[in-house]
Amino acid sequence: MADDAFRARLAEVEPAGRKQEPSAARARIQETFDDLTAARKRGVAWQQIAALMTADGIKAADGEPLTPDEVKALFHAERYARGERRKRRPNAGAAEAPKVRPRRVTPDVEAEPVAAKPLVPAPLPAPENARPADPYAELDRRQHEAKQRRERTAKARDWNPFDLSNKEASE
């Protein structure tokens, strides 16, 4: 039965308006759209237009004065509602695709072959008095340096600036 009561009330309900009434600011922009467009073409700033609308008593939905960005957004919303499209700006960063030049056609003349230059220069010859290097000498040197670093670090950890005993004198 509750279902039948709902259906009966639903049938009696009047449809609400499909469209919300525009705000006072939007209505003002609709009325003066052509004048606003002409003013913008003359170089009038959004800040100036917002100040004029505030002086006329037109406010934002929250009761605050309209900001220049809000006026600009309302203007463009009206512009798009009238069917105007956004202006495409050419992308300054993207240049046209480079034009490809056709290859030069060389005559059928047999040329002398050109020796190709090596990409990596040849190593310099070793001096005659140079001995062959010990392959493990570099490894031994690095290991010795690492051992010395570890010993210095260990000594630094043991050092206490507040210890007044003279350890080095006793060693």
C-alpha atoms as a PDB file:
ATOM      1  CA  MET A   1       0.000   0.000   0.000  1.00  0.00           C
ATOM      2  CA  ALA A   2       2.876   2.396   0.779  1.00  0.00           C
ATOM      3  CA  ASP A   3       4.066   1.753  -2.747  1.00  0.00           C
ATOM      4  CA  ASP A   4       0.670   2.839  -4.152  1.00  0.00           C
ATOM      5  CA  ALA A   5       0.703   6.053  -2.063  1.00  0.00           C
ATOM      6  CA  PHE A   6       4.162   6.883  -3.378  1.00  0.00           C
ATOM      7  CA  ARG A   7       3.026   6.363  -6.958  1.00  0.00           C
ATOM      8  CA  ALA A   8      -0.024   8.563  -6.415  1.00  0.00           C
ATOM      9  CA  ARG A   9       2.030  11.415  -4.948  1.00  0.00           C
ATOM     10  CA  LEU A  10       4.635  11.016  -7.701  1.00  0.00           C
ATOM     11  CA  ALA A  11       1.936  11.460 -10.342  1.00  0.00           C
ATOM     12  CA  GLU A  12       0.771  14.708  -8.660  1.00  0.00           C
ATOM     13  CA  VAL A  13       4.208  16.355  -8.453  1.00  0.00           C
ATOM     14  CA  GLU A  14       4.719  19.311 -10.800  1.00  0.00           C
ATOM     15  CA  PRO A  15       8.017  19.202 -12.711  1.00  0.00           C
ATOM     16  CA  ALA A  16      10.560  21.716 -11.541  1.00  0.00           C
ATOM     17  CA  GLY A  17      12.314  23.997 -13.967  1.00  0.00           C
ATOM     18  CA  ARG A  18      15.140  22.226 -15.706  1.00  0.00           C
ATOM     19  CA  LYS A  19      17.390  25.218 -15.738  1.00  0.00           C
ATOM     20  CA  GLN A  20      18.774  27.058 -12.756  1.00  0.00           C
ATOM     21  CA  GLU A  21      18.404  30.816 -12.886  1.00  0.00           C
ATOM     22  CA  PRO A  22      21.697  32.541 -13.671  1.00  0.00           C
ATOM     23  CA  SER A  23      23.382  34.567 -10.944  1.00  0.00           C
ATOM     24  CA  ALA A  24      23.178  38.354 -11.004  1.00  0.00           C
ATOM     25  CA  ALA A  25      26.774  38.506 -12.258  1.00  0.00           C
ATOM     26  CA  ARG A  26      26.118  36.027 -15.070  1.00  0.00           C
ATOM     27  CA  ALA A  27      22.905  37.840 -16.042  1.00  0.00           C
ATOM     28  CA  ARG A  28      24.789  41.163 -16.150  1.00  0.00           C
ATOM     29  CA  ILE A  29      27.488  39.626 -18.363  1.00  0.00           C
ATOM     30  CA  GLN A  30      24.799  38.187 -20.669  1.00  0.00           C
ATOM     31  CA  GLU A  31      23.194  41.645 -20.998  1.00  0.00           C
ATOM     32  CA  THR A  32      26.458  43.484 -21.659  1.00  0.00           C
ATOM     33  CA  PHE A  33      28.388  40.777 -23.499  1.00  0.00           C
ATOM     34  CA  ASP A  34      28.944  42.785 -26.687  1.00  0.00           C
ATOM     35  CA  ASP A  35      30.045  45.854 -24.707  1.00  0.00           C
ATOM     36  CA  LEU A  36      32.430  43.722 -22.627  1.00  0.00           C
ATOM     37  CA  THR A  37      33.894  42.211 -25.781  1.00  0.00           C
ATOM     38  CA  ALA A  38      34.465  45.659 -27.265  1.00  0.00           C
ATOM     39  CA  ALA A  39      36.038  46.897 -24.025  1.00  0.00           C
ATOM     40  CA  ARG A  40      38.408  43.921 -23.917  1.00  0.00           C
ATOM     41  CA  LYS A  41      39.455  44.594 -27.518  1.00  0.00           C
ATOM     42  CA  ARG A  42      40.258  48.183 -26.472  1.00  0.00           C
ATOM     43  CA  GLY A  43      42.518  46.823 -23.729  1.00  0.00           C
ATOM     44  CA  VAL A  44      40.315  47.177 -20.651  1.00  0.00           C
ATOM     45  CA  ALA A  45      41.610  44.830 -17.907  1.00  0.00           C
ATOM     46  CA  TRP A  46      39.514  42.258 -16.048  1.00  0.00           C
ATOM     47  CA  GLN A  47      40.348  44.091 -12.822  1.00  0.00           C
ATOM     48  CA  GLN A  48      38.724  47.259 -14.163  1.00  0.00           C
ATOM     49  CA  ILE A  49      35.604  45.375 -15.252  1.00  0.00           C
ATOM     50  CA  ALA A  50      35.365  43.657 -11.847  1.00  0.00           C
ATOM     51  CA  ALA A  51      35.636  47.049 -10.118  1.00  0.00           C
ATOM     52  CA  LEU A  52      32.803  48.446 -12.283  1.00  0.00           C
ATOM     53  CA  MET A  53      30.586  45.459 -11.494  1.00  0.00           C
ATOM     54  CA  THR A  54      31.303  45.862  -7.773  1.00  0.00           C
ATOM     55  CA  ALA A  55      30.436  49.581  -8.020  1.00  0.00           C
ATOM     56  CA  ASP A  56      27.097  48.574  -9.614  1.00  0.00           C
ATOM     57  CA  GLY A  57      26.410  46.340  -6.597  1.00  0.00           C
ATOM     58  CA  ILE A  58      26.897  43.033  -8.392  1.00  0.00           C
ATOM     59  CA  LYS A  59      28.513  40.481  -6.111  1.00  0.00           C
ATOM     60  CA  ALA A  60      29.673  36.886  -6.220  1.00  0.00           C
ATOM     61  CA  ALA A  61      27.444  34.059  -4.991  1.00  0.00           C
ATOM     62  CA  ASP A  62      29.023  34.254  -1.518  1.00  0.00           C
ATOM     63  CA  GLY A  63      28.254  37.977  -1.226  1.00  0.00           C
ATOM     64  CA  GLU A  64      31.866  39.072  -1.689  1.00  0.00           C
ATOM     65  CA  PRO A  65      32.990  41.436  -4.461  1.00  0.00           C
ATOM     66  CA  LEU A  66      33.795  39.724  -7.761  1.00  0.00           C
ATOM     67  CA  THR A  67      37.445  39.016  -8.443  1.00  0.00           C
ATOM     68  CA  PRO A  68      38.920  39.650 -11.880  1.00  0.00           C
ATOM     69  CA  ASP A  69      39.343  35.877 -12.361  1.00  0.00           C
ATOM     70  CA  GLU A  70      35.660  35.250 -11.561  1.00  0.00           C
ATOM     71  CA  VAL A  71      34.555  37.924 -14.044  1.00  0.00           C
ATOM     72  CA  LYS A  72      36.849  36.443 -16.681  1.00  0.00           C
ATOM     73  CA  ALA A  73      35.489  32.925 -16.050  1.00  0.00           C
ATOM     74  CA  LEU A  74      31.869  34.137 -16.282  1.00  0.00           C
ATOM     75  CA  PHE A  75      32.636  36.015 -19.509  1.00  0.00           C
ATOM     76  CA  HIS A  76      34.222  32.975 -21.139  1.00  0.00           C
ATOM     77  CA  ALA A  77      31.413  30.702 -19.942  1.00  0.00           C
ATOM     78  CA  GLU A  78      28.956  33.009 -21.691  1.00  0.00           C
ATOM     79  CA  ARG A  79      31.166  33.163 -24.769  1.00  0.00           C
ATOM     80  CA  TYR A  80      31.244  29.365 -25.021  1.00  0.00           C
ATOM     81  CA  ALA A  81      27.493  29.175 -24.348  1.00  0.00           C
ATOM     82  CA  ARG A  82      26.982  31.403 -27.386  1.00  0.00           C
ATOM     83  CA  GLY A  83      28.831  28.884 -29.514  1.00  0.00           C
ATOM     84  CA  GLU A  84      32.166  30.611 -29.842  1.00  0.00           C
ATOM     85  CA  ARG A  85      35.167  28.359 -29.799  1.00  0.00           C
ATOM     86  CA  ARG A  86      38.435  28.756 -28.024  1.00  0.00           C
ATOM     87  CA  LYS A  87      41.121  30.476 -29.998  1.00  0.00           C
ATOM     88  CA  ARG A  88      44.004  28.198 -30.825  1.00  0.00           C
ATOM     89  CA  ARG A  89      47.327  29.757 -30.113  1.00  0.00           C
ATOM     90  CA  PRO A  90      50.286  28.544 -32.078  1.00  0.00           C
ATOM     91  CA  ASN A  91      52.694  26.741 -29.810  1.00  0.00           C
ATOM     92  CA  ALA A  92      55.748  28.965 -29.647  1.00  0.00           C
ATOM     93  CA  GLY A  93      57.978  26.115 -28.461  1.00  0.00           C
ATOM     94  CA  ALA A  94      57.149  23.769 -31.309  1.00  0.00           C
ATOM     95  CA  ALA A  95      58.704  24.796 -34.576  1.00  0.00           C
ATOM     96  CA  GLU A  96      57.659  23.491 -37.928  1.00  0.00           C
ATOM     97  CA  ALA A  97      59.016  20.129 -38.906  1.00  0.00           C
ATOM     98  CA  PRO A  98      62.351  20.530 -40.607  1.00  0.00           C
ATOM     99  CA  LYS A  99      62.140  20.427 -44.355  1.00  0.00           C
ATOM    100  CA  VAL A 100      63.988  17.516 -45.842  1.00  0.00           C
ATOM    101  CA  ARG A 101      66.355  18.366 -48.622  1.00  0.00           C
ATOM    102  CA  PRO A 102      66.572  15.908 -51.464  1.00  0.00           C
ATOM    103  CA  ARG A 103      69.816  14.001 -51.676  1.00  0.00           C
ATOM    104  CA  ARG A 104      72.377  15.291 -54.087  1.00  0.00           C
ATOM    105  CA  VAL A 105      72.892  13.051 -57.000  1.00  0.00           C
ATOM    106  CA  THR A 106      76.569  12.430 -57.621  1.00  0.00           C
ATOM    107  CA  PRO A 107      77.762  11.808 -61.120  1.00  0.00           C
ATOM    108  CA  ASP A 108      78.881   8.310 -62.017  1.00  0.00           C
ATOM    109  CA  VAL A 109      82.563   9.065 -61.722  1.00  0.00           C
ATOM    110  CA  GLU A 110      84.843   6.568 -60.098  1.00  0.00           C
ATOM    111  CA  ALA A 111      86.588   8.304 -57.266  1.00  0.00           C
ATOM    112  CA  GLU A 112      89.646   7.128 -55.440  1.00  0.00           C
ATOM    113  CA  PRO A 113      88.716   5.286 -52.235  1.00  0.00           C
ATOM    114  CA  VAL A 114      89.219   7.401 -49.148  1.00  0.00           C
ATOM    115  CA  ALA A 115      90.811   5.680 -46.193  1.00  0.00           C
ATOM    116  CA  ALA A 116      88.456   5.629 -43.247  1.00  0.00           C
ATOM    117  CA  LYS A 117      89.753   7.358 -40.140  1.00  0.00           C
ATOM    118  CA  PRO A 118      89.654   5.231 -37.011  1.00  0.00           C
ATOM    119  CA  LEU A 119      87.161   6.436 -34.377  1.00  0.00           C
ATOM    120  CA  VAL A 120      89.540   5.647 -31.492  1.00  0.00           C
ATOM    121  CA  PRO A 121      93.111   6.892 -31.727  1.00  0.00           C
ATOM    122  CA  ALA A 122      95.804   4.250 -31.694  1.00  0.00           C
ATOM    123  CA  PRO A 123      97.649   3.853 -28.372  1.00  0.00           C
ATOM    124  CA  LEU A 124     101.040   5.489 -28.110  1.00  0.00           C
ATOM    125  CA  PRO A 125     103.937   3.122 -28.384  1.00  0.00           C
ATOM    126  CA  ALA A 126     105.577   2.183 -25.071  1.00  0.00           C
ATOM    127  CA  PRO A 127     109.098   3.457 -24.475  1.00  0.00           C
ATOM    128  CA  GLU A 128     111.827   0.869 -24.984  1.00  0.00           C
ATOM    129  CA  ASN A 129     113.047   1.020 -21.379  1.00  0.00           C
ATOM    130  CA  ALA A 130     109.528   0.401 -19.899  1.00  0.00           C
ATOM    131  CA  ARG A 131     109.129  -2.781 -17.895  1.00  0.00           C
ATOM    132  CA  PRO A 132     105.962  -4.795 -18.125  1.00  0.00           C
ATOM    133  CA  ALA A 133     103.736  -3.683 -15.242  1.00  0.00           C
ATOM    134  CA  ASP A 134     102.956  -6.137 -12.473  1.00  0.00           C
ATOM    135  CA  PRO A 135      99.199  -6.790 -12.882  1.00  0.00           C
ATOM    136  CA  TYR A 136      98.783  -7.174  -9.110  1.00  0.00           C
ATOM    137  CA  ALA A 137     100.776  -4.100  -8.075  1.00  0.00           C
ATOM    138  CA  GLU A 138      97.765  -1.760  -8.408  1.00  0.00           C
ATOM    139  CA  LEU A 139      95.581  -4.175  -6.436  1.00  0.00           C
ATOM    140  CA  ASP A 140      98.180  -4.435  -3.643  1.00  0.00           C
ATOM    141  CA  ARG A 141      98.504  -0.647  -3.487  1.00  0.00           C
ATOM    142  CA  ARG A 142      94.735  -0.151  -3.168  1.00  0.00           C
ATOM    143  CA  GLN A 143      94.444  -2.817  -0.475  1.00  0.00           C
ATOM    144  CA  HIS A 144      97.263  -1.198   1.511  1.00  0.00           C
ATOM    145  CA  GLU A 145      95.567   2.231   1.300  1.00  0.00           C
ATOM    146  CA  ALA A 146      92.253   0.743   2.439  1.00  0.00           C
ATOM    147  CA  LYS A 147      93.968  -0.897   5.427  1.00  0.00           C
ATOM    148  CA  GLN A 148      95.532   2.430   6.417  1.00  0.00           C
ATOM    149  CA  ARG A 149      92.140   4.185   6.209  1.00  0.00           C
ATOM    150  CA  ARG A 150      90.556   1.529   8.448  1.00  0.00           C
ATOM    151  CA  GLU A 151      93.330   1.918  11.025  1.00  0.00           C
ATOM    152  CA  ARG A 152      92.996   5.715  11.063  1.00  0.00           C
ATOM    153  CA  THR A 153      89.225   5.421  11.493  1.00  0.00           C
ATOM    154  CA  ALA A 154      89.622   2.976  14.367  1.00  0.00           C
ATOM    155  CA  LYS A 155      92.071   5.348  16.116  1.00  0.00           C
ATOM    156  CA  ALA A 156      89.699   8.265  15.617  1.00  0.00           C
ATOM    157  CA  ARG A 157      86.864   6.304  17.259  1.00  0.00           C
ATOM    158  CA  ASP A 158      89.020   5.541  20.301  1.00  0.00           C
ATOM    159  CA  TRP A 159      90.065   9.168  20.763  1.00  0.00           C
ATOM    160  CA  ASN A 160      88.217  10.953  23.550  1.00  0.00           C
ATOM    161  CA  PRO A 161      88.836  14.690  23.903  1.00  0.00           C
ATOM    162  CA  PHE A 162      87.709  14.574  27.538  1.00  0.00           C
ATOM    163  CA  ASP A 163      90.198  11.880  28.537  1.00  0.00           C
ATOM    164  CA  LEU A 164      92.999  13.735  30.292  1.00  0.00           C
ATOM    165  CA  SER A 165      95.309  10.756  30.589  1.00  0.00           C
ATOM    166  CA  ASN A 166      98.197  10.940  28.181  1.00  0.00           C
ATOM    167  CA  LYS A 167      97.894   7.667  26.243  1.00  0.00           C
ATOM    168  CA  GLU A 168     100.335   8.650  23.518  1.00  0.00           C
ATOM    169  CA  ALA A 169     103.078   9.436  26.027  1.00  0.00           C
ATOM    170  CA  SER A 170     102.674   5.994  27.590  1.00  0.00           C
ATOM    171  CA  GLU A 171     102.809   4.203  24.250  1.00  0.00           C
END
